[in-house]
Protein backbone atom coordinates (compact mmCIF):
# COMPACT_ATOMS: atom_id res chain seq x y z
CA MET A 1 -3.76 -26.62 8.14
CA SER A 2 -1.88 -26.70 4.69
CA LYS A 3 -3.20 -24.53 1.82
CA LYS A 4 -4.83 -26.08 -1.20
CA TYR A 5 -4.05 -23.44 -3.89
CA PHE A 6 -1.50 -20.91 -2.58
CA GLY A 7 2.20 -21.63 -2.62
CA THR A 8 5.33 -19.55 -1.23
CA ASP A 9 4.47 -16.73 -3.63
CA GLY A 10 0.88 -16.79 -4.69
CA ILE A 11 -0.66 -19.24 -6.96
CA ARG A 12 1.36 -20.55 -10.06
CA GLY A 13 1.26 -23.44 -12.57
CA ALA A 14 0.96 -24.41 -16.14
CA ILE A 15 -1.73 -22.64 -18.12
CA ASN A 16 -5.00 -24.70 -18.53
CA SER A 17 -3.88 -26.94 -15.85
CA LYS A 18 -6.08 -27.83 -12.72
CA ASN A 19 -5.72 -24.38 -11.04
CA ILE A 20 -4.66 -22.00 -13.85
CA ASN A 21 -7.48 -21.68 -16.06
CA GLY A 22 -10.49 -19.43 -16.70
CA ASP A 23 -12.84 -21.31 -14.58
CA MET A 24 -10.55 -21.18 -11.49
CA PHE A 25 -9.58 -17.52 -12.08
CA PHE A 26 -13.27 -16.71 -11.93
CA LYS A 27 -13.52 -18.40 -8.55
CA PHE A 28 -10.20 -16.78 -7.37
CA GLY A 29 -11.68 -13.43 -8.37
CA LEU A 30 -14.99 -13.98 -6.84
CA ALA A 31 -13.51 -15.37 -3.40
CA SER A 32 -10.98 -12.58 -3.20
CA GLY A 33 -13.77 -9.96 -3.92
CA ILE A 34 -16.12 -11.52 -1.32
CA TYR A 35 -13.42 -11.54 1.35
CA PHE A 36 -12.06 -7.98 0.91
CA LYS A 37 -15.61 -6.55 0.38
CA SER A 38 -16.59 -8.00 3.77
CA GLN A 39 -13.85 -5.84 5.32
CA LYS A 40 -15.56 -2.68 4.55
CA LYS A 41 -12.45 -0.63 5.12
CA ARG A 42 -12.36 1.08 1.69
CA LYS A 43 -14.25 1.69 -1.46
CA GLN A 44 -14.72 -1.89 -2.69
CA THR A 45 -11.88 -1.62 -5.48
CA ALA A 46 -9.46 -4.00 -6.87
CA ILE A 47 -6.69 -3.14 -9.32
CA ILE A 48 -5.18 -5.67 -11.78
CA ALA A 49 -1.68 -5.67 -13.45
CA LYS A 50 -0.05 -8.49 -15.66
CA ASP A 51 3.10 -9.51 -17.22
CA THR A 52 3.32 -10.18 -20.89
CA ARG A 53 2.31 -13.80 -21.22
CA LEU A 54 -0.07 -14.69 -23.90
CA SER A 55 -2.27 -16.52 -21.23
CA GLY A 56 -2.78 -13.34 -19.43
CA TYR A 57 -5.47 -12.45 -22.13
CA THR A 58 -7.39 -15.62 -21.11
CA LEU A 59 -7.04 -15.29 -17.40
CA GLU A 60 -7.64 -11.56 -16.84
CA PRO A 61 -11.17 -11.45 -18.21
CA ALA A 62 -12.11 -14.39 -16.00
CA LEU A 63 -10.61 -12.78 -12.86
CA VAL A 64 -12.36 -9.41 -13.58
CA SER A 65 -15.72 -11.34 -14.07
CA GLY A 66 -15.21 -13.05 -10.72
CA LEU A 67 -14.35 -9.72 -8.90
CA THR A 68 -17.28 -7.81 -10.46
CA SER A 69 -19.57 -10.59 -9.65
CA ALA A 70 -18.66 -10.13 -6.14
CA GLY A 71 -19.59 -6.48 -6.42
CA MET A 72 -15.97 -5.20 -6.68
CA HIS A 73 -15.06 -2.21 -8.99
CA VAL A 74 -12.02 -3.13 -11.02
CA TYR A 75 -9.18 -1.00 -12.66
CA THR A 76 -6.96 -2.85 -15.08
CA LEU A 77 -3.49 -1.50 -15.70
CA GLY A 78 -1.95 -3.78 -18.34
CA PRO A 79 1.74 -4.66 -18.17
CA LEU A 80 3.36 -3.36 -15.02
CA PRO A 81 6.17 -4.61 -12.54
CA THR A 82 4.81 -6.34 -9.45
CA ASN A 83 5.88 -3.69 -7.04
CA GLY A 84 4.29 -1.07 -9.21
CA LEU A 85 1.01 -2.91 -8.75
CA ALA A 86 1.74 -2.92 -4.96
CA MET A 87 2.58 0.63 -4.71
CA LEU A 88 -0.61 1.76 -6.73
CA THR A 89 -2.71 -0.66 -4.62
CA LYS A 90 -1.55 1.48 -1.61
CA THR A 91 -1.73 5.14 -3.32
CA MET A 92 -5.04 4.39 -5.03
CA LYS A 93 -6.58 3.18 -1.67
CA ALA A 94 -7.87 -0.03 -3.22
CA ASN A 95 -9.01 -3.04 -1.17
CA LEU A 96 -6.63 -5.40 -3.03
CA GLY A 97 -4.06 -5.55 -5.93
CA ILE A 98 -3.77 -8.69 -8.04
CA MET A 99 -0.73 -9.34 -10.24
CA ILE A 100 -1.20 -11.92 -13.01
CA THR A 101 2.30 -13.47 -13.36
CA ALA A 102 4.43 -16.51 -12.98
CA SER A 103 7.54 -14.42 -12.27
CA HIS A 104 10.74 -16.06 -13.70
CA ASN A 105 8.99 -19.14 -15.04
CA PRO A 106 8.53 -19.95 -18.82
CA HIS A 107 5.60 -18.53 -20.72
CA TYR A 108 3.50 -21.68 -20.45
CA ASP A 109 3.08 -21.06 -16.74
CA ASN A 110 1.08 -18.29 -15.17
CA GLY A 111 -0.33 -17.37 -11.81
CA LEU A 112 -1.45 -14.76 -9.24
CA LYS A 113 0.15 -12.67 -6.49
CA LEU A 114 -2.17 -10.85 -4.25
CA PHE A 115 -1.65 -7.62 -2.20
CA GLY A 116 -3.70 -6.19 0.59
CA PRO A 117 -4.62 -2.42 0.94
CA ASP A 118 -1.31 -1.75 2.79
CA GLY A 119 0.62 -3.02 -0.41
CA MET A 120 1.86 -6.18 1.47
CA LYS A 121 1.51 -9.74 0.25
CA LEU A 122 -1.18 -11.51 1.81
CA SER A 123 -0.61 -13.52 5.04
CA ASP A 124 -1.01 -17.30 5.25
CA LYS A 125 -4.11 -16.62 7.43
CA ILE A 126 -5.79 -14.36 4.88
CA GLU A 127 -4.78 -16.86 1.97
CA GLN A 128 -6.58 -19.70 4.02
CA LYS A 129 -9.74 -17.60 4.32
CA ILE A 130 -9.86 -17.00 0.63
CA GLU A 131 -9.29 -20.66 -0.08
CA ASN A 132 -12.24 -21.54 2.13
CA LEU A 133 -14.37 -19.16 0.08
CA ILE A 134 -13.28 -20.57 -3.28
CA ASP A 135 -14.60 -24.04 -2.27
CA LYS A 136 -18.09 -22.80 -1.26
CA LYS A 137 -20.95 -22.85 -3.73
CA ILE A 138 -20.56 -20.03 -6.21
CA VAL A 139 -24.31 -19.17 -6.32
CA LEU A 140 -24.23 -18.09 -2.66
CA ASN A 141 -21.53 -15.36 -3.32
CA LEU A 142 -22.90 -13.81 -6.42
CA SER A 143 -23.97 -10.07 -6.24
CA SER A 144 -27.53 -8.99 -7.42
CA PRO A 145 -27.63 -7.23 -10.78
CA GLU A 146 -27.75 -3.72 -9.31
CA LYS A 147 -24.71 -4.36 -7.03
CA LEU A 148 -22.33 -5.76 -9.80
CA GLY A 149 -18.91 -4.00 -9.99
CA ARG A 150 -17.70 -1.80 -12.84
CA VAL A 151 -14.48 -2.08 -14.91
CA LYS A 152 -12.16 0.65 -16.19
CA ARG A 153 -8.87 0.56 -17.96
CA LEU A 154 -6.23 2.94 -16.60
CA GLU A 155 -3.41 3.82 -19.15
CA SER A 156 -1.36 5.86 -16.69
CA GLY A 157 -0.10 3.02 -14.55
CA THR A 158 3.63 2.96 -15.91
CA ASN A 159 3.87 6.75 -15.59
CA ASP A 160 2.42 6.86 -12.02
CA TYR A 161 4.82 4.00 -10.95
CA ILE A 162 7.80 5.84 -12.37
CA LYS A 163 6.74 9.05 -10.64
CA ILE A 164 6.56 7.19 -7.28
CA LEU A 165 9.98 5.61 -7.82
CA LYS A 166 11.62 8.94 -8.50
CA LYS A 167 10.04 10.56 -5.48
CA ASN A 168 12.29 8.37 -3.23
CA PHE A 169 15.37 10.30 -4.39
CA ILE A 170 16.43 13.95 -4.56
CA LYS A 171 15.18 16.17 -7.23
CA GLU A 172 18.64 16.62 -8.58
CA PHE A 173 19.38 12.90 -9.05
CA ASN A 174 20.25 12.26 -12.62
CA LEU A 175 22.12 9.54 -14.56
CA ARG A 176 23.68 11.77 -17.26
CA GLY A 177 26.99 10.51 -18.54
CA LEU A 178 26.14 6.78 -17.64
CA ARG A 179 25.74 4.15 -20.27
CA ILE A 180 23.43 1.38 -19.01
CA VAL A 181 22.26 -1.91 -20.46
CA ILE A 182 18.86 -3.24 -19.19
CA ASP A 183 17.53 -6.71 -20.05
CA CYS A 184 13.75 -6.65 -19.22
CA ALA A 185 13.18 -10.38 -19.97
CA ASN A 186 10.35 -9.48 -22.44
CA GLY A 187 8.26 -9.12 -19.34
CA ALA A 188 6.31 -6.64 -17.26
CA GLY A 189 9.10 -4.12 -17.02
CA TYR A 190 9.79 -3.73 -20.76
CA LYS A 191 8.27 -0.20 -20.83
CA ALA A 192 8.81 1.12 -17.21
CA GLY A 193 12.57 0.01 -17.09
CA PRO A 194 13.92 1.89 -20.26
CA GLU A 195 11.61 4.94 -19.80
CA LEU A 196 12.69 5.39 -16.01
CA LEU A 197 16.46 5.24 -16.97
CA LYS A 198 16.02 7.49 -19.98
CA SER A 199 13.98 10.02 -17.89
CA LEU A 200 16.92 10.39 -15.62
CA GLY A 201 19.28 11.19 -18.50
CA ALA A 202 21.05 7.81 -18.91
CA LYS A 203 22.19 6.46 -22.29
CA VAL A 204 20.03 3.23 -22.40
CA ILE A 205 20.74 -0.06 -24.41
CA SER A 206 17.55 -2.08 -24.08
CA ILE A 207 17.34 -5.80 -24.62
CA GLY A 208 14.35 -8.08 -23.92
CA VAL A 209 11.82 -5.43 -24.72
CA ASN A 210 10.02 -7.03 -27.63
CA PRO A 211 7.47 -9.24 -25.88
CA ASN A 212 5.33 -11.54 -28.17
CA GLY A 213 3.47 -13.47 -25.42
CA LEU A 214 5.66 -16.57 -25.70
CA ASN A 215 9.27 -15.08 -25.27
CA ILE A 216 9.09 -14.04 -21.68
CA ASN A 217 12.22 -15.23 -19.74
CA ASN A 218 13.25 -17.02 -22.88
CA ASN A 219 17.10 -17.05 -22.88
CA CYS A 220 17.00 -13.60 -21.25
CA GLY A 221 16.36 -11.83 -18.05
CA SER A 222 17.70 -12.44 -14.45
CA THR A 223 17.78 -16.33 -14.94
CA TYR A 224 20.10 -15.91 -17.99
CA PRO A 225 22.66 -13.33 -16.68
CA ASN A 226 25.21 -14.13 -19.37
CA LYS A 227 23.18 -12.04 -21.77
CA ILE A 228 23.61 -8.87 -19.81
CA LYS A 229 27.31 -9.74 -19.23
CA TYR A 230 28.03 -9.84 -22.86
CA ALA A 231 25.88 -6.76 -23.53
CA VAL A 232 27.76 -4.73 -20.98
CA LYS A 233 31.14 -5.80 -22.59
CA LYS A 234 29.95 -5.13 -26.18
CA TYR A 235 28.59 -1.57 -25.41
CA LYS A 236 31.19 -0.65 -22.84
CA ALA A 237 28.54 0.19 -20.38
CA HIS A 238 29.04 1.34 -16.75
CA LEU A 239 26.51 -1.11 -15.45
CA GLY A 240 23.95 -3.83 -16.56
CA ILE A 241 20.49 -4.43 -15.04
CA SER A 242 18.63 -7.70 -15.64
CA LEU A 243 15.21 -8.18 -14.47
CA ASP A 244 12.90 -11.29 -14.37
CA GLY A 245 9.46 -11.63 -16.03
CA ASP A 246 7.48 -9.40 -13.42
CA ALA A 247 10.56 -7.28 -12.61
CA ASP A 248 10.70 -7.96 -8.80
CA ARG A 249 14.01 -9.63 -9.14
CA ILE A 250 17.34 -8.03 -10.34
CA ILE A 251 20.74 -9.38 -11.10
CA MET A 252 23.33 -6.83 -12.03
CA CYS A 253 26.70 -6.72 -13.93
CA ASP A 254 29.52 -4.38 -13.20
CA GLU A 255 31.79 -2.45 -16.01
CA MET A 256 34.17 -5.40 -16.11
CA GLY A 257 31.48 -7.98 -16.82
CA ASN A 258 31.34 -9.49 -13.44
CA ILE A 259 27.81 -10.82 -12.57
CA ILE A 260 26.42 -9.38 -9.24
CA ASP A 261 23.85 -11.53 -7.64
CA GLY A 262 21.29 -10.73 -4.99
CA ASP A 263 23.68 -11.54 -2.09
CA GLN A 264 26.45 -9.24 -3.45
CA ILE A 265 23.83 -6.41 -4.00
CA ILE A 266 22.50 -6.76 -0.54
CA ALA A 267 26.15 -6.76 0.86
CA ALA A 268 26.84 -3.52 -0.93
CA LEU A 269 23.69 -1.69 0.06
CA ALA A 270 23.81 -2.78 3.70
CA THR A 271 27.48 -1.31 3.89
CA ARG A 272 26.30 1.95 2.32
CA TRP A 273 23.28 2.04 4.52
CA LYS A 274 25.29 1.43 7.49
CA ASN A 275 27.89 4.16 6.67
CA LYS A 276 24.95 6.67 5.99
CA LYS A 277 23.26 5.46 9.15
CA MET A 278 20.26 4.42 7.02
CA LEU A 279 20.33 0.78 8.02
CA LYS A 280 17.75 -0.16 10.64
CA GLY A 281 18.32 -3.18 12.84
CA GLY A 282 20.04 -5.47 10.44
CA VAL A 283 19.62 -7.61 7.28
CA VAL A 284 17.31 -10.55 6.63
CA GLY A 285 18.44 -13.17 4.14
CA THR A 286 17.22 -16.70 3.49
CA LEU A 287 18.15 -20.33 3.92
CA MET A 288 19.81 -20.06 0.49
CA SER A 289 21.89 -16.95 1.28
CA ASN A 290 25.63 -17.67 0.71
CA TYR A 291 27.54 -18.31 4.03
CA GLY A 292 30.26 -15.88 2.74
CA LEU A 293 27.53 -13.21 3.06
CA GLU A 294 26.81 -14.14 6.74
CA LYS A 295 30.60 -14.09 7.43
CA PHE A 296 30.88 -10.67 5.80
CA PHE A 297 28.16 -9.09 7.97
CA ARG A 298 29.62 -10.65 10.98
CA SER A 299 32.92 -8.84 10.24
CA LYS A 300 31.03 -5.65 9.77
CA LYS A 301 29.12 -6.19 12.91
CA ILE A 302 25.78 -6.02 10.93
CA LYS A 303 23.01 -8.26 12.39
CA PHE A 304 22.04 -11.08 9.95
CA ILE A 305 19.16 -13.63 10.32
CA ARG A 306 17.70 -16.00 7.97
CA ALA A 307 14.02 -16.52 6.85
CA ASN A 308 12.35 -19.31 4.76
CA VAL A 309 12.79 -18.85 0.99
CA GLY A 310 10.26 -16.42 -0.52
CA ASP A 311 10.27 -12.64 -0.36
CA ARG A 312 7.04 -12.68 1.68
CA TYR A 313 8.70 -14.47 4.31
CA VAL A 314 11.79 -12.24 4.32
CA LYS A 315 9.36 -9.18 4.61
CA GLU A 316 7.56 -10.92 7.44
CA LYS A 317 10.84 -11.42 9.35
CA MET A 318 11.82 -7.89 8.53
CA LYS A 319 8.60 -6.53 10.04
CA LYS A 320 9.05 -8.77 13.15
CA ASN A 321 12.57 -7.66 13.81
CA ASN A 322 12.19 -4.00 12.71
CA PHE A 323 14.85 -4.40 9.94
CA ASN A 324 14.54 -2.40 6.83
CA LEU A 325 16.67 -4.43 4.28
CA GLY A 326 16.43 -8.07 3.36
CA GLY A 327 16.43 -10.32 0.22
CA GLU A 328 17.34 -13.35 -1.65
CA GLN A 329 20.34 -14.48 -3.66
CA SER A 330 18.02 -14.81 -6.66
CA GLY A 331 17.53 -11.10 -6.71
CA HIS A 332 14.33 -10.55 -4.57
CA ILE A 333 15.50 -7.54 -2.59
CA ILE A 334 13.26 -5.55 -0.32
CA LEU A 335 14.24 -1.99 0.58
CA GLY A 336 12.01 -1.49 3.48
CA LYS A 337 12.61 2.15 3.52
CA PHE A 338 10.84 2.49 0.16
CA ALA A 339 8.74 -0.53 -0.63
CA THR A 340 6.69 -3.60 0.67
CA THR A 341 8.02 -6.11 -1.79
CA GLY A 342 10.81 -6.78 -4.12
CA ASP A 343 11.42 -4.28 -7.02
CA GLY A 344 14.18 -4.70 -9.46
CA LEU A 345 14.00 -1.06 -10.77
CA LEU A 346 14.03 0.47 -7.20
CA VAL A 347 17.14 -1.52 -6.18
CA ALA A 348 18.84 -0.43 -9.45
CA LEU A 349 18.03 3.23 -8.68
CA GLU A 350 19.54 2.81 -5.21
CA ALA A 351 22.71 1.26 -6.59
CA LEU A 352 22.97 3.88 -9.39
CA PHE A 353 22.48 6.68 -6.83
CA ALA A 354 25.54 5.29 -4.98
CA ILE A 355 27.72 5.40 -8.19
CA ARG A 356 26.27 8.48 -9.94
CA LYS A 357 29.40 10.65 -9.28
CA GLY A 358 31.83 8.63 -11.30
CA ARG A 359 32.35 5.60 -8.78
CA LYS A 360 32.73 2.27 -10.56
CA ALA A 361 30.25 -0.37 -10.23
CA SER A 362 32.97 -2.95 -9.57
CA ASP A 363 34.12 -0.69 -6.64
CA PHE A 364 30.64 -0.53 -5.14
CA PHE A 365 29.92 -4.19 -5.49
CA ASN A 366 31.92 -7.32 -4.84
CA LYS A 367 32.13 -6.97 -1.03
CA PHE A 368 32.70 -10.43 0.09
CA LYS A 369 34.16 -13.70 -1.16
CA LYS A 370 31.40 -16.17 -1.77
CA ILE A 371 31.65 -19.74 -0.37
CA PRO A 372 31.56 -22.23 -3.15
CA GLN A 373 27.83 -23.17 -3.68
CA ILE A 374 26.21 -25.83 -5.82
CA LEU A 375 22.49 -25.65 -6.50
CA LYS A 376 20.74 -28.45 -8.46
CA ASN A 377 17.08 -28.04 -9.43
CA ILE A 378 15.51 -31.48 -10.04
CA GLN A 379 12.25 -31.82 -11.91
CA VAL A 380 9.97 -34.28 -10.19
CA LYS A 381 6.26 -35.35 -10.71
CA ASP A 382 5.57 -35.36 -6.97
CA LYS A 383 7.32 -33.03 -4.61
CA GLY A 384 6.31 -35.25 -1.79
CA ILE A 385 9.33 -37.50 -2.69
CA ILE A 386 11.29 -35.32 -0.44
CA LYS A 387 9.74 -37.32 2.36
CA ASN A 388 10.62 -40.64 0.91
CA TYR A 389 12.69 -42.83 3.33
CA GLU A 390 15.51 -43.49 0.93
CA VAL A 391 15.82 -39.74 0.00
CA LYS A 392 15.83 -38.77 3.70
CA LYS A 393 18.39 -41.41 4.23
CA SER A 394 20.66 -39.96 1.37
CA ILE A 395 20.44 -36.52 3.10
CA LYS A 396 21.67 -37.86 6.30
CA ILE A 397 24.61 -39.77 4.54
CA ALA A 398 25.52 -36.47 2.78
CA GLU A 399 25.26 -34.46 6.04
CA LYS A 400 27.42 -37.06 7.76
CA LEU A 401 30.08 -36.91 5.02
CA MET A 402 30.10 -33.06 5.17
CA ASN A 403 30.93 -33.21 8.83
CA GLY A 404 31.03 -29.67 9.74
CA GLN A 405 32.90 -28.71 6.54
CA GLY A 406 29.82 -27.11 5.07
CA ARG A 407 26.06 -27.27 4.86
CA ILE A 408 23.40 -29.07 2.87
CA LEU A 409 19.87 -27.68 2.15
CA VAL A 410 17.15 -29.85 0.44
CA ARG A 411 13.72 -28.14 -0.02
CA GLN A 412 10.58 -28.19 -2.33
CA SER A 413 10.33 -25.31 -4.74
CA GLY A 414 7.22 -23.27 -3.66
CA THR A 415 6.49 -22.30 -7.35
CA GLU A 416 7.69 -25.03 -9.61
CA SER A 417 7.49 -29.05 -9.62
CA LYS A 418 11.19 -29.18 -8.47
CA ILE A 419 13.25 -30.24 -5.50
CA ARG A 420 16.03 -27.96 -4.93
CA VAL A 421 19.33 -29.47 -3.63
CA MET A 422 21.87 -26.76 -2.34
CA GLY A 423 25.26 -27.37 -0.71
CA GLU A 424 28.15 -25.07 0.37
CA SER A 425 31.73 -26.00 1.26
CA GLU A 426 35.27 -24.90 0.47
CA ASN A 427 35.91 -28.51 -0.28
CA ILE A 428 34.62 -28.66 -3.83
CA LYS A 429 35.08 -32.36 -4.30
CA LEU A 430 33.34 -33.29 -1.13
CA LEU A 431 30.58 -30.81 -2.03
CA LYS A 432 30.01 -32.42 -5.42
CA LYS A 433 30.00 -35.73 -3.95
CA CYS A 434 27.40 -34.93 -1.34
CA ILE A 435 25.04 -33.21 -3.82
CA ASN A 436 25.19 -36.13 -6.23
CA ILE A 437 24.29 -38.59 -3.58
CA ILE A 438 21.21 -36.75 -2.98
CA SER A 439 20.29 -35.88 -6.38
CA LYS A 440 20.75 -39.40 -7.72
CA LYS A 441 18.32 -40.73 -5.14
CA ILE A 442 15.81 -38.08 -5.87
CA LYS A 443 15.99 -38.84 -9.67
């Protein structure tokens, strides 16, 4: 049964649209509270964090109202990276954690990411059960006056998160002598990112740390890596770190100004972990992972399997195969040894730990030669157009033209009203032709 509200990464859309408004967030809060309260495993508590979107001030009170109406006690944390919320959900022994964010999307979008008591994103099965509760009559789920939940603001979220991150490394770990540029996308990591690096002794140049509610991801962050590239060159930094709006993605830049995407980061970490005998099982990528990464892992005798796009699906496949490393080209990277979901700052620390003794970032990264890849994101009114006969016909024509010289992948975005058309091939001319055939038909 297909889901009505949840996509590949929670719920997301334009603010004050059909699903992203105060009325619906009250219902999401009420339904989530009713479901988790019924589990009776913990102390009927929910914690909420958010990114820096102006709309968060509209949606958070509605969500809190729904949860407390279900009888859940609520702690609000304010702006905090998504994995910080996941980690604190687990350490505070809460029933659920809710992140109010639209990740890398523009400011006019917002949404939810839900985490269970284990710090894991909810399964499709649980999301379906919550959806069923959303559509029931509200009055049947409201708590009696004496059983309403209470609300408390916690100001220690950022410090608690930083402490958890640092505990994953030896006490002597420091970044003294390193000059690091960090772009926080005017998002959820704008406090935690610079504070973490400074606490370890790094010289930090911070950009994207002046959120005004409307500038999140605006020409900054992981979706605009050129900003970090120019900053690294300007300040002669040893490394650049670029986060997205909720800081669960990371794109990096070495001291020479080379952009390091998720695939290259995964290749570097997997190589290091294998050499240190820390790699468990192998690596999970996605359908979007560059074929060059797959070839590299084959040459290094590292197992590599692909999951559907979305870090939740990566994590599910990691768990199923007992792997401890996985991620996406976009920079969602899960270090299963330390975390349950993507965390840009945690990945940055792991890379910095490897180069802390004078090793150059350019030496640590750039492990493989990427197969030329083209990705077109086409805005559409109805993502169902992917099932259109003419569109499917154009895909078959492109695949026939490719004839074993590469691969084509056409899929619906799980978080935006877009169709993503991706192709890979050493034959650039053929690759462009195939991508254009499909793109023109969709448009």
